[in-house]
PDB file of N, CA and C in Angstrom:
ATOM      1  N   UNK A   1      74.746  31.388 134.089  1.00  0.00           N
ATOM      2  CA  UNK A   1      73.436  31.130 134.651  1.00  0.00           C
ATOM      3  C   UNK A   1      73.595  30.147 135.816  1.00  0.00           C
ATOM      4  N   UNK A   2      72.991  30.481 136.927  1.00  0.00           N
ATOM      5  CA  UNK A   2      73.035  29.624 138.106  1.00  0.00           C
ATOM      6  C   UNK A   2      71.804  28.716 138.124  1.00  0.00           C
ATOM      7  N   UNK A   3      72.033  27.419 138.185  1.00  0.00           N
ATOM      8  CA  UNK A   3      70.945  26.445 138.218  1.00  0.00           C
ATOM      9  C   UNK A   3      70.377  26.380 139.636  1.00  0.00           C
ATOM     10  N   UNK A   4      69.063  26.412 139.718  1.00  0.00           N
ATOM     11  CA  UNK A   4      68.381  26.317 141.010  1.00  0.00           C
ATOM     12  C   UNK A   4      67.533  25.055 141.030  1.00  0.00           C
ATOM     13  N   UNK A   5      67.711  24.260 142.045  1.00  0.00           N
ATOM     14  CA  UNK A   5      66.853  23.091 142.234  1.00  0.00           C
ATOM     15  C   UNK A   5      65.611  23.563 142.969  1.00  0.00           C
ATOM     16  N   UNK A   6      64.447  23.272 142.410  1.00  0.00           N
ATOM     17  CA  UNK A   6      63.193  23.689 143.022  1.00  0.00           C
ATOM     18  C   UNK A   6      62.305  22.468 143.245  1.00  0.00           C
ATOM     19  N   UNK A   7      61.423  22.595 144.196  1.00  0.00           N
ATOM     20  CA  UNK A   7      60.453  21.532 144.487  1.00  0.00           C
ATOM     21  C   UNK A   7      59.064  22.143 144.464  1.00  0.00           C
ATOM     22  N   UNK A   8      58.089  21.306 144.218  1.00  0.00           N
ATOM     23  CA  UNK A   8      56.707  21.772 144.284  1.00  0.00           C
ATOM     24  C   UNK A   8      55.994  21.023 145.404  1.00  0.00           C
ATOM     25  N   UNK A   9      54.958  21.652 145.910  1.00  0.00           N
ATOM     26  CA  UNK A   9      54.120  21.016 146.920  1.00  0.00           C
ATOM     27  C   UNK A   9      52.679  21.202 146.469  1.00  0.00           C
ATOM     28  N   UNK A  10      52.048  20.115 146.131  1.00  0.00           N
ATOM     29  CA  UNK A  10      50.647  20.148 145.703  1.00  0.00           C
ATOM     30  C   UNK A  10      49.901  19.120 146.542  1.00  0.00           C
ATOM     31  N   UNK A  11      48.677  19.480 146.941  1.00  0.00           N
ATOM     32  CA  UNK A  11      47.922  18.535 147.766  1.00  0.00           C
ATOM     33  C   UNK A  11      46.423  18.762 147.607  1.00  0.00           C
ATOM     34  N   UNK A  12      45.693  17.744 147.962  1.00  0.00           N
ATOM     35  CA  UNK A  12      44.239  17.831 148.067  1.00  0.00           C
ATOM     36  C   UNK A  12      43.842  17.129 149.358  1.00  0.00           C
ATOM     37  N   UNK A  13      42.623  17.405 149.804  1.00  0.00           N
ATOM     38  CA  UNK A  13      42.195  16.850 151.087  1.00  0.00           C
ATOM     39  C   UNK A  13      41.439  15.529 150.959  1.00  0.00           C
ATOM     40  N   UNK A  14      40.929  15.232 149.783  1.00  0.00           N
ATOM     41  CA  UNK A  14      40.176  13.982 149.599  1.00  0.00           C
ATOM     42  C   UNK A  14      40.561  13.356 148.266  1.00  0.00           C
ATOM     43  N   UNK A  15      40.031  12.163 148.019  1.00  0.00           N
ATOM     44  CA  UNK A  15      40.281  11.484 146.748  1.00  0.00           C
ATOM     45  C   UNK A  15      39.089  11.577 145.809  1.00  0.00           C
ATOM     46  N   UNK A  16      38.175  12.514 146.060  1.00  0.00           N
ATOM     47  CA  UNK A  16      37.043  12.693 145.153  1.00  0.00           C
ATOM     48  C   UNK A  16      37.546  13.172 143.796  1.00  0.00           C
ATOM     49  N   UNK A  17      36.787  12.864 142.772  1.00  0.00           N
ATOM     50  CA  UNK A  17      37.179  13.187 141.388  1.00  0.00           C
ATOM     51  C   UNK A  17      37.528  14.665 141.216  1.00  0.00           C
ATOM     52  N   UNK A  18      36.730  15.547 141.778  1.00  0.00           N
ATOM     53  CA  UNK A  18      36.992  16.987 141.647  1.00  0.00           C
ATOM     54  C   UNK A  18      38.312  17.363 142.299  1.00  0.00           C
ATOM     55  N   UNK A  19      38.619  16.733 143.408  1.00  0.00           N
ATOM     56  CA  UNK A  19      39.877  17.020 144.094  1.00  0.00           C
ATOM     57  C   UNK A  19      41.072  16.512 143.284  1.00  0.00           C
ATOM     58  N   UNK A  20      40.940  15.350 142.687  1.00  0.00           N
ATOM     59  CA  UNK A  20      42.029  14.811 141.869  1.00  0.00           C
ATOM     60  C   UNK A  20      42.291  15.707 140.670  1.00  0.00           C
ATOM     61  N   UNK A  21      41.234  16.254 140.100  1.00  0.00           N
ATOM     62  CA  UNK A  21      41.390  17.200 139.001  1.00  0.00           C
ATOM     63  C   UNK A  21      42.118  18.450 139.482  1.00  0.00           C
ATOM     64  N   UNK A  22      41.799  18.899 140.678  1.00  0.00           N
ATOM     65  CA  UNK A  22      42.463  20.073 141.245  1.00  0.00           C
ATOM     66  C   UNK A  22      43.949  19.798 141.441  1.00  0.00           C
ATOM     67  N   UNK A  23      44.282  18.583 141.841  1.00  0.00           N
ATOM     68  CA  UNK A  23      45.691  18.217 142.010  1.00  0.00           C
ATOM     69  C   UNK A  23      46.417  18.282 140.671  1.00  0.00           C
ATOM     70  N   UNK A  24      45.803  17.738 139.648  1.00  0.00           N
ATOM     71  CA  UNK A  24      46.409  17.785 138.310  1.00  0.00           C
ATOM     72  C   UNK A  24      46.625  19.234 137.877  1.00  0.00           C
ATOM     73  N   UNK A  25      45.667  20.105 138.166  1.00  0.00           N
ATOM     74  CA  UNK A  25      45.795  21.520 137.813  1.00  0.00           C
ATOM     75  C   UNK A  25      46.947  22.175 138.557  1.00  0.00           C
ATOM     76  N   UNK A  26      47.100  21.842 139.825  1.00  0.00           N
ATOM     77  CA  UNK A  26      48.205  22.405 140.608  1.00  0.00           C
ATOM     78  C   UNK A  26      49.551  21.981 140.027  1.00  0.00           C
ATOM     79  N   UNK A  27      49.694  20.709 139.746  1.00  0.00           N
ATOM     80  CA  UNK A  27      50.950  20.195 139.197  1.00  0.00           C
ATOM     81  C   UNK A  27      51.236  20.837 137.842  1.00  0.00           C
ATOM     82  N   UNK A  28      50.215  20.956 137.005  1.00  0.00           N
ATOM     83  CA  UNK A  28      50.394  21.577 135.690  1.00  0.00           C
ATOM     84  C   UNK A  28      50.843  23.029 135.832  1.00  0.00           C
ATOM     85  N   UNK A  29      50.259  23.759 136.774  1.00  0.00           N
ATOM     86  CA  UNK A  29      50.644  25.153 137.014  1.00  0.00           C
ATOM     87  C   UNK A  29      52.142  25.244 137.327  1.00  0.00           C
ATOM     88  N   UNK A  30      52.615  24.403 138.236  1.00  0.00           N
ATOM     89  CA  UNK A  30      54.026  24.453 138.615  1.00  0.00           C
ATOM     90  C   UNK A  30      54.937  23.960 137.493  1.00  0.00           C
ATOM     91  N   UNK A  31      54.501  22.958 136.739  1.00  0.00           N
ATOM     92  CA  UNK A  31      55.291  22.511 135.584  1.00  0.00           C
ATOM     93  C   UNK A  31      55.463  23.656 134.585  1.00  0.00           C
ATOM     94  N   UNK A  32      54.381  24.383 134.321  1.00  0.00           N
ATOM     95  CA  UNK A  32      54.448  25.520 133.397  1.00  0.00           C
ATOM     96  C   UNK A  32      55.360  26.615 133.947  1.00  0.00           C
ATOM     97  N   UNK A  33      55.282  26.873 135.234  1.00  0.00           N
ATOM     98  CA  UNK A  33      56.117  27.889 135.862  1.00  0.00           C
ATOM     99  C   UNK A  33      57.598  27.522 135.749  1.00  0.00           C
ATOM    100  N   UNK A  34      57.906  26.280 136.016  1.00  0.00           N
ATOM    101  CA  UNK A  34      59.298  25.814 135.919  1.00  0.00           C
ATOM    102  C   UNK A  34      59.778  25.884 134.474  1.00  0.00           C
ATOM    103  N   UNK A  35      58.912  25.559 133.521  1.00  0.00           N
ATOM    104  CA  UNK A  35      59.285  25.636 132.100  1.00  0.00           C
ATOM    105  C   UNK A  35      59.660  27.056 131.683  1.00  0.00           C
ATOM    106  N   UNK A  36      59.064  28.060 132.327  1.00  0.00           N
ATOM    107  CA  UNK A  36      59.356  29.459 131.977  1.00  0.00           C
ATOM    108  C   UNK A  36      60.651  29.969 132.597  1.00  0.00           C
ATOM    109  N   UNK A  37      61.287  29.148 133.424  1.00  0.00           N
ATOM    110  CA  UNK A  37      62.544  29.542 134.073  1.00  0.00           C
ATOM    111  C   UNK A  37      63.619  28.508 133.729  1.00  0.00           C
ATOM    112  N   UNK A  38      64.391  28.767 132.691  1.00  0.00           N
ATOM    113  CA  UNK A  38      65.373  27.768 132.245  1.00  0.00           C
ATOM    114  C   UNK A  38      66.451  27.459 133.282  1.00  0.00           C
ATOM    115  N   UNK A  39      66.615  28.331 134.275  1.00  0.00           N
ATOM    116  CA  UNK A  39      67.619  28.079 135.306  1.00  0.00           C
ATOM    117  C   UNK A  39      67.063  27.262 136.473  1.00  0.00           C
ATOM    118  N   UNK A  40      65.792  26.876 136.401  1.00  0.00           N
ATOM    119  CA  UNK A  40      65.175  26.058 137.438  1.00  0.00           C
ATOM    120  C   UNK A  40      65.161  24.594 137.001  1.00  0.00           C
ATOM    121  N   UNK A  41      65.504  23.712 137.916  1.00  0.00           N
ATOM    122  CA  UNK A  41      65.457  22.272 137.667  1.00  0.00           C
ATOM    123  C   UNK A  41      64.606  21.655 138.786  1.00  0.00           C
ATOM    124  N   UNK A  42      63.620  20.880 138.404  1.00  0.00           N
ATOM    125  CA  UNK A  42      62.743  20.248 139.388  1.00  0.00           C
ATOM    126  C   UNK A  42      63.508  19.163 140.124  1.00  0.00           C
ATOM    127  N   UNK A  43      63.545  19.285 141.429  1.00  0.00           N
ATOM    128  CA  UNK A  43      64.170  18.269 142.277  1.00  0.00           C
ATOM    129  C   UNK A  43      63.129  17.216 142.590  1.00  0.00           C
ATOM    130  N   UNK A  44      63.358  16.000 142.152  1.00  0.00           N
ATOM    131  CA  UNK A  44      62.357  14.935 142.372  1.00  0.00           C
ATOM    132  C   UNK A  44      62.752  14.081 143.541  1.00  0.00           C
TER     133      UNK A  44
END
Protein backbone atom coordinates (compact mmCIF):
# COMPACT_ATOMS: atom_id res chain seq x y z
CA UNK A 1 0.00 0.00 0.00
CA UNK A 2 1.35 3.40 -0.98
CA UNK A 3 0.84 6.12 1.64
CA UNK A 4 -0.43 9.43 0.28
CA UNK A 5 -0.08 12.68 2.17
CA UNK A 6 -3.22 14.74 1.65
CA UNK A 7 -4.26 18.22 2.71
CA UNK A 8 -7.65 19.80 3.10
CA UNK A 9 -8.74 23.33 2.32
CA UNK A 10 -11.78 24.62 4.17
CA UNK A 11 -12.83 28.24 4.43
CA UNK A 12 -15.63 30.62 5.22
CA UNK A 13 -16.04 34.27 4.31
CA UNK A 14 -17.12 35.66 7.69
CA UNK A 15 -16.95 34.85 11.39
CA UNK A 16 -20.73 34.71 11.85
CA UNK A 17 -22.00 31.73 13.83
CA UNK A 18 -23.58 30.08 10.78
CA UNK A 19 -20.33 30.37 8.86
CA UNK A 20 -18.31 28.85 11.70
CA UNK A 21 -20.72 25.93 11.76
CA UNK A 22 -20.22 25.54 8.01
CA UNK A 23 -16.46 25.42 8.57
CA UNK A 24 -16.85 22.67 11.15
CA UNK A 25 -19.01 20.73 8.67
CA UNK A 26 -16.39 21.07 5.94
CA UNK A 27 -13.60 19.84 8.20
CA UNK A 28 -15.75 16.93 9.41
CA UNK A 29 -16.52 15.94 5.81
CA UNK A 30 -12.82 15.76 4.93
CA UNK A 31 -11.93 13.97 8.18
CA UNK A 32 -14.54 11.32 7.35
CA UNK A 33 -13.26 11.04 3.78
CA UNK A 34 -9.68 10.56 4.96
CA UNK A 35 -10.83 7.95 7.51
CA UNK A 36 -12.32 5.90 4.64
CA UNK A 37 -8.94 5.77 2.88
CA UNK A 38 -6.38 3.97 5.06
CA UNK A 39 -3.60 4.88 2.62
CA UNK A 40 -4.23 8.61 3.12
CA UNK A 41 -2.41 10.55 5.84
CA UNK A 42 -3.40 14.13 6.63
CA UNK A 43 -0.47 16.47 6.16
CA UNK A 44 -0.69 19.12 8.87
